[in-house]
């Protein structure tokens, strides 16, 4: 877990993201993402907020998809 924080911190510093929000706020926002499963076993990602989509964009990570 510590390695993840260090990597995220380096990205945030290099892109100047600390001006907008803290690392703990980003982790908090991403923890809200949920995968739901229907009775027939189909899984889907709950709707992403605008903030979560912005975080993915800022970190150059493609939006997640459940198949």
PDB file of N, CA and C in Angstrom:
ATOM      1  N   UNK A   1       0.826  -1.194   0.000  1.00  0.00           N
ATOM      2  CA  UNK A   1       0.000   0.000   0.000  1.00  0.00           C
ATOM      3  C   UNK A   1       0.870   1.256   0.000  1.00  0.00           C
ATOM      4  N   UNK A   2       1.968   1.192   0.708  1.00  0.00           N
ATOM      5  CA  UNK A   2       2.863   2.343   0.768  1.00  0.00           C
ATOM      6  C   UNK A   2       3.426   2.666  -0.613  1.00  0.00           C
ATOM      7  N   UNK A   3       3.738   1.641  -1.380  1.00  0.00           N
ATOM      8  CA  UNK A   3       4.255   1.857  -2.733  1.00  0.00           C
ATOM      9  C   UNK A   3       3.228   2.600  -3.578  1.00  0.00           C
ATOM     10  N   UNK A   4       1.967   2.233  -3.439  1.00  0.00           N
ATOM     11  CA  UNK A   4       0.896   2.898  -4.183  1.00  0.00           C
ATOM     12  C   UNK A   4       0.838   4.388  -3.833  1.00  0.00           C
ATOM     13  N   UNK A   5       0.924   4.698  -2.547  1.00  0.00           N
ATOM     14  CA  UNK A   5       0.898   6.102  -2.123  1.00  0.00           C
ATOM     15  C   UNK A   5       2.073   6.881  -2.700  1.00  0.00           C
ATOM     16  N   UNK A   6       3.250   6.263  -2.710  1.00  0.00           N
ATOM     17  CA  UNK A   6       4.441   6.938  -3.229  1.00  0.00           C
ATOM     18  C   UNK A   6       4.287   7.216  -4.724  1.00  0.00           C
ATOM     19  N   UNK A   7       3.801   6.243  -5.471  1.00  0.00           N
ATOM     20  CA  UNK A   7       3.611   6.418  -6.909  1.00  0.00           C
ATOM     21  C   UNK A   7       2.570   7.509  -7.180  1.00  0.00           C
ATOM     22  N   UNK A   8       1.452   7.452  -6.471  1.00  0.00           N
ATOM     23  CA  UNK A   8       0.420   8.476  -6.655  1.00  0.00           C
ATOM     24  C   UNK A   8       0.940   9.858  -6.280  1.00  0.00           C
ATOM     25  N   UNK A   9       1.720   9.927  -5.198  1.00  0.00           N
ATOM     26  CA  UNK A   9       2.289  11.199  -4.764  1.00  0.00           C
ATOM     27  C   UNK A   9       3.201  11.784  -5.838  1.00  0.00           C
ATOM     28  N   UNK A  10       4.035  10.960  -6.429  1.00  0.00           N
ATOM     29  CA  UNK A  10       4.951  11.443  -7.482  1.00  0.00           C
ATOM     30  C   UNK A  10       4.181  11.968  -8.688  1.00  0.00           C
ATOM     31  N   UNK A  11       3.130  11.269  -9.054  1.00  0.00           N
ATOM     32  CA  UNK A  11       2.313  11.719 -10.192  1.00  0.00           C
ATOM     33  C   UNK A  11       1.657  13.050  -9.861  1.00  0.00           C
ATOM     34  N   UNK A  12       1.129  13.157  -8.654  1.00  0.00           N
ATOM     35  CA  UNK A  12       0.440  14.388  -8.257  1.00  0.00           C
ATOM     36  C   UNK A  12       1.401  15.572  -8.229  1.00  0.00           C
ATOM     37  N   UNK A  13       2.614  15.361  -7.731  1.00  0.00           N
ATOM     38  CA  UNK A  13       3.604  16.436  -7.683  1.00  0.00           C
ATOM     39  C   UNK A  13       4.000  16.842  -9.098  1.00  0.00           C
ATOM     40  N   UNK A  14       4.271  15.859  -9.954  1.00  0.00           N
ATOM     41  CA  UNK A  14       4.737  16.164 -11.308  1.00  0.00           C
ATOM     42  C   UNK A  14       3.682  16.887 -12.139  1.00  0.00           C
ATOM     43  N   UNK A  15       2.410  16.614 -11.874  1.00  0.00           N
ATOM     44  CA  UNK A  15       1.327  17.250 -12.642  1.00  0.00           C
ATOM     45  C   UNK A  15       0.697  18.433 -11.922  1.00  0.00           C
ATOM     46  N   UNK A  16       1.200  18.753 -10.731  1.00  0.00           N
ATOM     47  CA  UNK A  16       0.671  19.900  -9.986  1.00  0.00           C
ATOM     48  C   UNK A  16      -0.741  19.697  -9.480  1.00  0.00           C
ATOM     49  N   UNK A  17      -1.098  18.463  -9.171  1.00  0.00           N
ATOM     50  CA  UNK A  17      -2.477  18.163  -8.763  1.00  0.00           C
ATOM     51  C   UNK A  17      -2.772  18.506  -7.305  1.00  0.00           C
ATOM     52  N   UNK A  18      -1.737  18.730  -6.510  1.00  0.00           N
ATOM     53  CA  UNK A  18      -1.985  19.080  -5.107  1.00  0.00           C
ATOM     54  C   UNK A  18      -2.649  20.443  -4.969  1.00  0.00           C
ATOM     55  N   UNK A  19      -2.617  21.244  -6.018  1.00  0.00           N
ATOM     56  CA  UNK A  19      -3.290  22.546  -5.987  1.00  0.00           C
ATOM     57  C   UNK A  19      -4.800  22.369  -5.946  1.00  0.00           C
ATOM     58  N   UNK A  20      -5.283  21.260  -6.510  1.00  0.00           N
ATOM     59  CA  UNK A  20      -6.718  21.021  -6.622  1.00  0.00           C
ATOM     60  C   UNK A  20      -7.279  20.198  -5.464  1.00  0.00           C
ATOM     61  N   UNK A  21      -6.555  19.131  -5.060  1.00  0.00           N
ATOM     62  CA  UNK A  21      -7.038  18.286  -3.971  1.00  0.00           C
ATOM     63  C   UNK A  21      -5.909  17.451  -3.398  1.00  0.00           C
ATOM     64  N   UNK A  22      -6.161  16.875  -2.220  1.00  0.00           N
ATOM     65  CA  UNK A  22      -5.132  16.090  -1.546  1.00  0.00           C
ATOM     66  C   UNK A  22      -5.197  14.630  -1.984  1.00  0.00           C
ATOM     67  N   UNK A  23      -4.126  13.910  -1.705  1.00  0.00           N
ATOM     68  CA  UNK A  23      -4.066  12.496  -2.025  1.00  0.00           C
ATOM     69  C   UNK A  23      -5.133  11.723  -1.257  1.00  0.00           C
ATOM     70  N   UNK A  24      -5.356  12.073  -0.007  1.00  0.00           N
ATOM     71  CA  UNK A  24      -6.373  11.374   0.779  1.00  0.00           C
ATOM     72  C   UNK A  24      -7.772  11.599   0.204  1.00  0.00           C
ATOM     73  N   UNK A  25      -8.045  12.777  -0.337  1.00  0.00           N
ATOM     74  CA  UNK A  25      -9.343  13.033  -0.969  1.00  0.00           C
ATOM     75  C   UNK A  25      -9.511  12.204  -2.237  1.00  0.00           C
ATOM     76  N   UNK A  26      -8.446  12.043  -2.993  1.00  0.00           N
ATOM     77  CA  UNK A  26      -8.508  11.228  -4.207  1.00  0.00           C
ATOM     78  C   UNK A  26      -8.789   9.780  -3.845  1.00  0.00           C
ATOM     79  N   UNK A  27      -8.080   9.251  -2.847  1.00  0.00           N
ATOM     80  CA  UNK A  27      -8.310   7.872  -2.407  1.00  0.00           C
ATOM     81  C   UNK A  27      -9.745   7.710  -1.919  1.00  0.00           C
ATOM     82  N   UNK A  28     -10.236   8.688  -1.171  1.00  0.00           N
ATOM     83  CA  UNK A  28     -11.612   8.642  -0.659  1.00  0.00           C
ATOM     84  C   UNK A  28     -12.625   8.581  -1.804  1.00  0.00           C
ATOM     85  N   UNK A  29     -12.413   9.403  -2.823  1.00  0.00           N
ATOM     86  CA  UNK A  29     -13.332   9.420  -3.974  1.00  0.00           C
ATOM     87  C   UNK A  29     -13.315   8.090  -4.717  1.00  0.00           C
ATOM     88  N   UNK A  30     -12.135   7.515  -4.902  1.00  0.00           N
ATOM     89  CA  UNK A  30     -12.035   6.272  -5.653  1.00  0.00           C
ATOM     90  C   UNK A  30     -12.575   5.077  -4.872  1.00  0.00           C
ATOM     91  N   UNK A  31     -12.566   5.169  -3.542  1.00  0.00           N
ATOM     92  CA  UNK A  31     -13.131   4.091  -2.721  1.00  0.00           C
ATOM     93  C   UNK A  31     -14.641   3.971  -2.908  1.00  0.00           C
ATOM     94  N   UNK A  32     -15.257   5.023  -3.384  1.00  0.00           N
ATOM     95  CA  UNK A  32     -16.710   5.023  -3.571  1.00  0.00           C
ATOM     96  C   UNK A  32     -17.149   4.180  -4.765  1.00  0.00           C
ATOM     97  N   UNK A  33     -16.224   3.864  -5.669  1.00  0.00           N
ATOM     98  CA  UNK A  33     -16.572   3.045  -6.836  1.00  0.00           C
ATOM     99  C   UNK A  33     -16.977   1.650  -6.386  1.00  0.00           C
ATOM    100  N   UNK A  34     -18.070   1.159  -6.927  1.00  0.00           N
ATOM    101  CA  UNK A  34     -18.599  -0.150  -6.540  1.00  0.00           C
ATOM    102  C   UNK A  34     -18.937  -0.976  -7.766  1.00  0.00           C
ATOM    103  N   UNK A  35     -18.773  -2.278  -7.625  1.00  0.00           N
ATOM    104  CA  UNK A  35     -19.212  -3.224  -8.638  1.00  0.00           C
ATOM    105  C   UNK A  35     -20.429  -3.929  -8.066  1.00  0.00           C
ATOM    106  N   UNK A  36     -21.526  -3.896  -8.796  1.00  0.00           N
ATOM    107  CA  UNK A  36     -22.760  -4.552  -8.363  1.00  0.00           C
ATOM    108  C   UNK A  36     -22.972  -5.793  -9.222  1.00  0.00           C
ATOM    109  N   UNK A  37     -23.643  -6.779  -8.635  1.00  0.00           N
ATOM    110  CA  UNK A  37     -23.923  -8.020  -9.351  1.00  0.00           C
ATOM    111  C   UNK A  37     -25.416  -8.291  -9.314  1.00  0.00           C
ATOM    112  N   UNK A  38     -25.985  -8.597 -10.479  1.00  0.00           N
ATOM    113  CA  UNK A  38     -27.403  -8.893 -10.561  1.00  0.00           C
ATOM    114  C   UNK A  38     -27.650 -10.352 -10.176  1.00  0.00           C
ATOM    115  N   UNK A  39     -28.921 -10.726 -10.069  1.00  0.00           N
ATOM    116  CA  UNK A  39     -29.283 -12.096  -9.688  1.00  0.00           C
ATOM    117  C   UNK A  39     -28.775 -13.142 -10.684  1.00  0.00           C
ATOM    118  N   UNK A  40     -28.671 -12.753 -11.945  1.00  0.00           N
ATOM    119  CA  UNK A  40     -28.204 -13.707 -12.951  1.00  0.00           C
ATOM    120  C   UNK A  40     -26.679 -13.728 -13.077  1.00  0.00           C
ATOM    121  N   UNK A  41     -25.968 -13.025 -12.199  1.00  0.00           N
ATOM    122  CA  UNK A  41     -24.520 -13.059 -12.168  1.00  0.00           C
ATOM    123  C   UNK A  41     -23.816 -11.989 -12.984  1.00  0.00           C
ATOM    124  N   UNK A  42     -24.572 -11.156 -13.679  1.00  0.00           N
ATOM    125  CA  UNK A  42     -23.962 -10.094 -14.474  1.00  0.00           C
ATOM    126  C   UNK A  42     -23.448  -8.989 -13.552  1.00  0.00           C
ATOM    127  N   UNK A  43     -22.219  -8.555 -13.784  1.00  0.00           N
ATOM    128  CA  UNK A  43     -21.608  -7.510 -12.960  1.00  0.00           C
ATOM    129  C   UNK A  43     -21.566  -6.202 -13.736  1.00  0.00           C
ATOM    130  N   UNK A  44     -21.713  -5.106 -13.004  1.00  0.00           N
ATOM    131  CA  UNK A  44     -21.601  -3.795 -13.621  1.00  0.00           C
ATOM    132  C   UNK A  44     -21.067  -2.802 -12.608  1.00  0.00           C
ATOM    133  N   UNK A  45     -20.422  -1.782 -13.128  1.00  0.00           N
ATOM    134  CA  UNK A  45     -19.858  -0.729 -12.306  1.00  0.00           C
ATOM    135  C   UNK A  45     -20.930   0.324 -12.066  1.00  0.00           C
ATOM    136  N   UNK A  46     -21.072   0.747 -10.814  1.00  0.00           N
ATOM    137  CA  UNK A  46     -22.039   1.807 -10.532  1.00  0.00           C
ATOM    138  C   UNK A  46     -21.575   3.088 -11.230  1.00  0.00           C
ATOM    139  N   UNK A  47     -22.479   4.017 -11.381  1.00  0.00           N
ATOM    140  CA  UNK A  47     -22.181   5.245 -12.109  1.00  0.00           C
ATOM    141  C   UNK A  47     -21.029   6.007 -11.458  1.00  0.00           C
ATOM    142  N   UNK A  48     -20.125   6.502 -12.298  1.00  0.00           N
ATOM    143  CA  UNK A  48     -18.995   7.274 -11.801  1.00  0.00           C
ATOM    144  C   UNK A  48     -19.372   8.745 -11.716  1.00  0.00           C
ATOM    145  N   UNK A  49     -18.900   9.392 -10.652  1.00  0.00           N
ATOM    146  CA  UNK A  49     -19.155  10.824 -10.501  1.00  0.00           C
ATOM    147  C   UNK A  49     -18.220  11.617 -11.417  1.00  0.00           C
ATOM    148  N   UNK A  50     -18.524  12.874 -11.589  1.00  0.00           N
ATOM    149  CA  UNK A  50     -17.691  13.746 -12.405  1.00  0.00           C
ATOM    150  C   UNK A  50     -16.292  13.832 -11.800  1.00  0.00           C
ATOM    151  N   UNK A  51     -16.205  13.889 -10.483  1.00  0.00           N
ATOM    152  CA  UNK A  51     -14.914  13.952  -9.798  1.00  0.00           C
ATOM    153  C   UNK A  51     -14.094  12.703 -10.063  1.00  0.00           C
ATOM    154  N   UNK A  52     -14.720  11.538 -10.004  1.00  0.00           N
ATOM    155  CA  UNK A  52     -14.011  10.290 -10.253  1.00  0.00           C
ATOM    156  C   UNK A  52     -13.511  10.222 -11.693  1.00  0.00           C
ATOM    157  N   UNK A  53     -14.325  10.647 -12.633  1.00  0.00           N
ATOM    158  CA  UNK A  53     -13.902  10.665 -14.038  1.00  0.00           C
ATOM    159  C   UNK A  53     -12.730  11.619 -14.241  1.00  0.00           C
ATOM    160  N   UNK A  54     -12.759  12.749 -13.555  1.00  0.00           N
ATOM    161  CA  UNK A  54     -11.667  13.720 -13.645  1.00  0.00           C
ATOM    162  C   UNK A  54     -10.371  13.130 -13.097  1.00  0.00           C
ATOM    163  N   UNK A  55     -10.467  12.396 -11.995  1.00  0.00           N
ATOM    164  CA  UNK A  55      -9.282  11.762 -11.411  1.00  0.00           C
ATOM    165  C   UNK A  55      -8.664  10.788 -12.401  1.00  0.00           C
ATOM    166  N   UNK A  56      -9.485   9.951 -13.014  1.00  0.00           N
ATOM    167  CA  UNK A  56      -8.979   9.007 -14.002  1.00  0.00           C
ATOM    168  C   UNK A  56      -8.293   9.745 -15.150  1.00  0.00           C
ATOM    169  N   UNK A  57      -8.889  10.824 -15.607  1.00  0.00           N
ATOM    170  CA  UNK A  57      -8.326  11.598 -16.712  1.00  0.00           C
ATOM    171  C   UNK A  57      -6.991  12.223 -16.309  1.00  0.00           C
ATOM    172  N   UNK A  58      -6.921  12.808 -15.113  1.00  0.00           N
ATOM    173  CA  UNK A  58      -5.700  13.461 -14.654  1.00  0.00           C
ATOM    174  C   UNK A  58      -4.538  12.475 -14.516  1.00  0.00           C
ATOM    175  N   UNK A  59      -4.841  11.236 -14.167  1.00  0.00           N
ATOM    176  CA  UNK A  59      -3.804  10.220 -13.999  1.00  0.00           C
ATOM    177  C   UNK A  59      -3.578   9.400 -15.283  1.00  0.00           C
ATOM    178  N   UNK A  60      -4.216   9.814 -16.368  1.00  0.00           N
ATOM    179  CA  UNK A  60      -4.078   9.126 -17.659  1.00  0.00           C
ATOM    180  C   UNK A  60      -4.414   7.641 -17.566  1.00  0.00           C
ATOM    181  N   UNK A  61      -5.495   7.334 -16.867  1.00  0.00           N
ATOM    182  CA  UNK A  61      -5.962   5.958 -16.705  1.00  0.00           C
ATOM    183  C   UNK A  61      -7.298   5.829 -17.443  1.00  0.00           C
ATOM    184  N   UNK A  62      -7.440   4.806 -18.290  1.00  0.00           N
ATOM    185  CA  UNK A  62      -8.721   4.639 -18.980  1.00  0.00           C
ATOM    186  C   UNK A  62      -9.846   4.307 -17.994  1.00  0.00           C
ATOM    187  N   UNK A  63     -11.040   4.743 -18.306  1.00  0.00           N
ATOM    188  CA  UNK A  63     -12.179   4.463 -17.443  1.00  0.00           C
ATOM    189  C   UNK A  63     -12.399   2.950 -17.366  1.00  0.00           C
ATOM    190  N   UNK A  64     -12.698   2.430 -16.165  1.00  0.00           N
ATOM    191  CA  UNK A  64     -12.858   0.982 -16.018  1.00  0.00           C
ATOM    192  C   UNK A  64     -14.135   0.494 -16.693  1.00  0.00           C
ATOM    193  N   UNK A  65     -14.070  -0.739 -17.180  1.00  0.00           N
ATOM    194  CA  UNK A  65     -15.226  -1.387 -17.793  1.00  0.00           C
ATOM    195  C   UNK A  65     -15.342  -2.796 -17.212  1.00  0.00           C
ATOM    196  N   UNK A  66     -16.536  -3.220 -16.942  1.00  0.00           N
ATOM    197  CA  UNK A  66     -16.790  -4.581 -16.481  1.00  0.00           C
ATOM    198  C   UNK A  66     -17.383  -5.347 -17.657  1.00  0.00           C
ATOM    199  N   UNK A  67     -16.774  -6.477 -17.991  1.00  0.00           N
ATOM    200  CA  UNK A  67     -17.282  -7.284 -19.111  1.00  0.00           C
ATOM    201  C   UNK A  67     -17.703  -8.640 -18.639  1.00  0.00           C
TER     202      UNK A  67
END
